[in-house]
Amino acid sequence: MDHNIDGAVNGASKGNISISELISMIENLTGRKAVILENGDAAPYNGYMDDMTLNTDLADKTGFDFSNINSWIEDLIAYLVEI
């Protein structure tokens, strides 16, 4: 509110994690193998197996500080597996 910003400001954790890495983490924490079908149902992320990130440069320039995804993602998955 106290910054004069022109344009979209993306908020996202620092670092990168591919969808295949995310699937692997979920498989490891659940002990189950993901079922991935070439001709499965249409979904928003079909076809983006490894490289999709948000550019947070503008947010960084205004002083926002985001945590690194690797510092919390595995704990989140483990928590969600428990529910």
Protein backbone atom coordinates (compact mmCIF):
# COMPACT_ATOMS: atom_id res chain seq x y z
CA MET A 1 0.00 0.00 0.00
CA ASP A 2 2.88 2.36 0.66
CA HIS A 3 4.67 1.49 -2.62
CA ASN A 4 3.99 3.13 -5.97
CA ILE A 5 3.93 0.03 -8.17
CA ASP A 6 2.87 -0.10 -11.78
CA GLY A 7 2.12 -3.55 -13.13
CA ALA A 8 1.34 -7.02 -11.91
CA VAL A 9 3.12 -8.17 -8.78
CA ASN A 10 3.55 -11.93 -8.53
CA GLY A 11 4.02 -13.53 -5.15
CA ALA A 12 5.67 -16.94 -5.04
CA SER A 13 8.30 -18.82 -3.12
CA LYS A 14 11.90 -18.57 -4.23
CA GLY A 15 13.41 -21.52 -6.03
CA ASN A 16 11.99 -23.94 -8.52
CA ILE A 17 10.35 -27.30 -8.31
CA SER A 18 9.26 -29.21 -11.37
CA ILE A 19 5.95 -31.00 -11.55
CA SER A 20 7.87 -34.28 -11.90
CA GLU A 21 9.80 -33.48 -8.68
CA LEU A 22 6.53 -32.66 -6.92
CA ILE A 23 4.99 -35.94 -8.10
CA SER A 24 8.08 -37.81 -6.90
CA MET A 25 7.85 -36.20 -3.44
CA ILE A 26 4.18 -37.12 -3.19
CA GLU A 27 4.94 -40.70 -4.28
CA ASN A 28 7.70 -41.00 -1.67
CA LEU A 29 5.60 -39.59 1.16
CA THR A 30 2.48 -41.61 0.33
CA GLY A 31 4.22 -44.82 -0.66
CA ARG A 32 2.05 -44.90 -3.78
CA LYS A 33 2.90 -44.55 -7.46
CA ALA A 34 1.19 -41.79 -9.45
CA VAL A 35 -0.90 -42.92 -12.41
CA ILE A 36 -0.04 -40.72 -15.37
CA LEU A 37 -1.90 -41.37 -18.58
CA GLU A 38 -1.01 -39.99 -21.99
CA ASN A 39 -4.70 -39.75 -22.88
CA GLY A 40 -6.08 -38.78 -19.45
CA ASP A 41 -8.71 -36.20 -18.64
CA ALA A 42 -8.04 -32.61 -19.64
CA ALA A 43 -6.50 -30.61 -16.79
CA PRO A 44 -4.99 -27.12 -16.51
CA TYR A 45 -1.39 -28.36 -16.19
CA ASN A 46 -1.40 -31.17 -18.74
CA GLY A 47 1.66 -30.79 -20.94
CA TYR A 48 3.72 -28.81 -18.38
CA MET A 49 5.78 -31.58 -16.89
CA ASP A 50 8.84 -29.65 -15.83
CA ASP A 51 9.12 -25.89 -16.29
CA MET A 52 6.62 -23.34 -15.07
CA THR A 53 7.50 -20.50 -12.69
CA LEU A 54 6.30 -17.02 -11.74
CA ASN A 55 8.53 -13.98 -12.21
CA THR A 56 8.74 -12.21 -8.83
CA ASP A 57 11.29 -9.54 -9.85
CA LEU A 58 8.88 -6.65 -9.30
CA ALA A 59 7.90 -7.89 -5.84
CA ASP A 60 11.59 -8.38 -4.96
CA LYS A 61 12.39 -4.80 -6.04
CA THR A 62 9.72 -3.43 -3.72
CA GLY A 63 11.15 -5.30 -0.72
CA PHE A 64 8.94 -8.35 -0.47
CA ASP A 65 10.86 -11.36 0.80
CA PHE A 66 9.58 -14.83 -0.03
CA SER A 67 10.67 -18.10 1.55
CA ASN A 68 12.35 -20.83 -0.49
CA ILE A 69 9.96 -23.53 -1.65
CA ASN A 70 12.42 -26.25 -0.60
CA SER A 71 12.23 -25.08 3.02
CA TRP A 72 8.53 -26.01 3.37
CA ILE A 73 7.10 -28.03 0.46
CA GLU A 74 7.94 -31.49 1.78
CA ASP A 75 6.51 -30.64 5.23
CA LEU A 76 3.30 -29.41 3.58
CA ILE A 77 2.93 -32.59 1.55
CA ALA A 78 3.57 -34.72 4.66
CA TYR A 79 0.95 -32.73 6.57
CA LEU A 80 -1.61 -33.15 3.78
CA VAL A 81 -0.89 -36.89 3.58
CA GLU A 82 -1.76 -37.13 7.30
CA ILE A 83 -5.19 -35.46 6.98
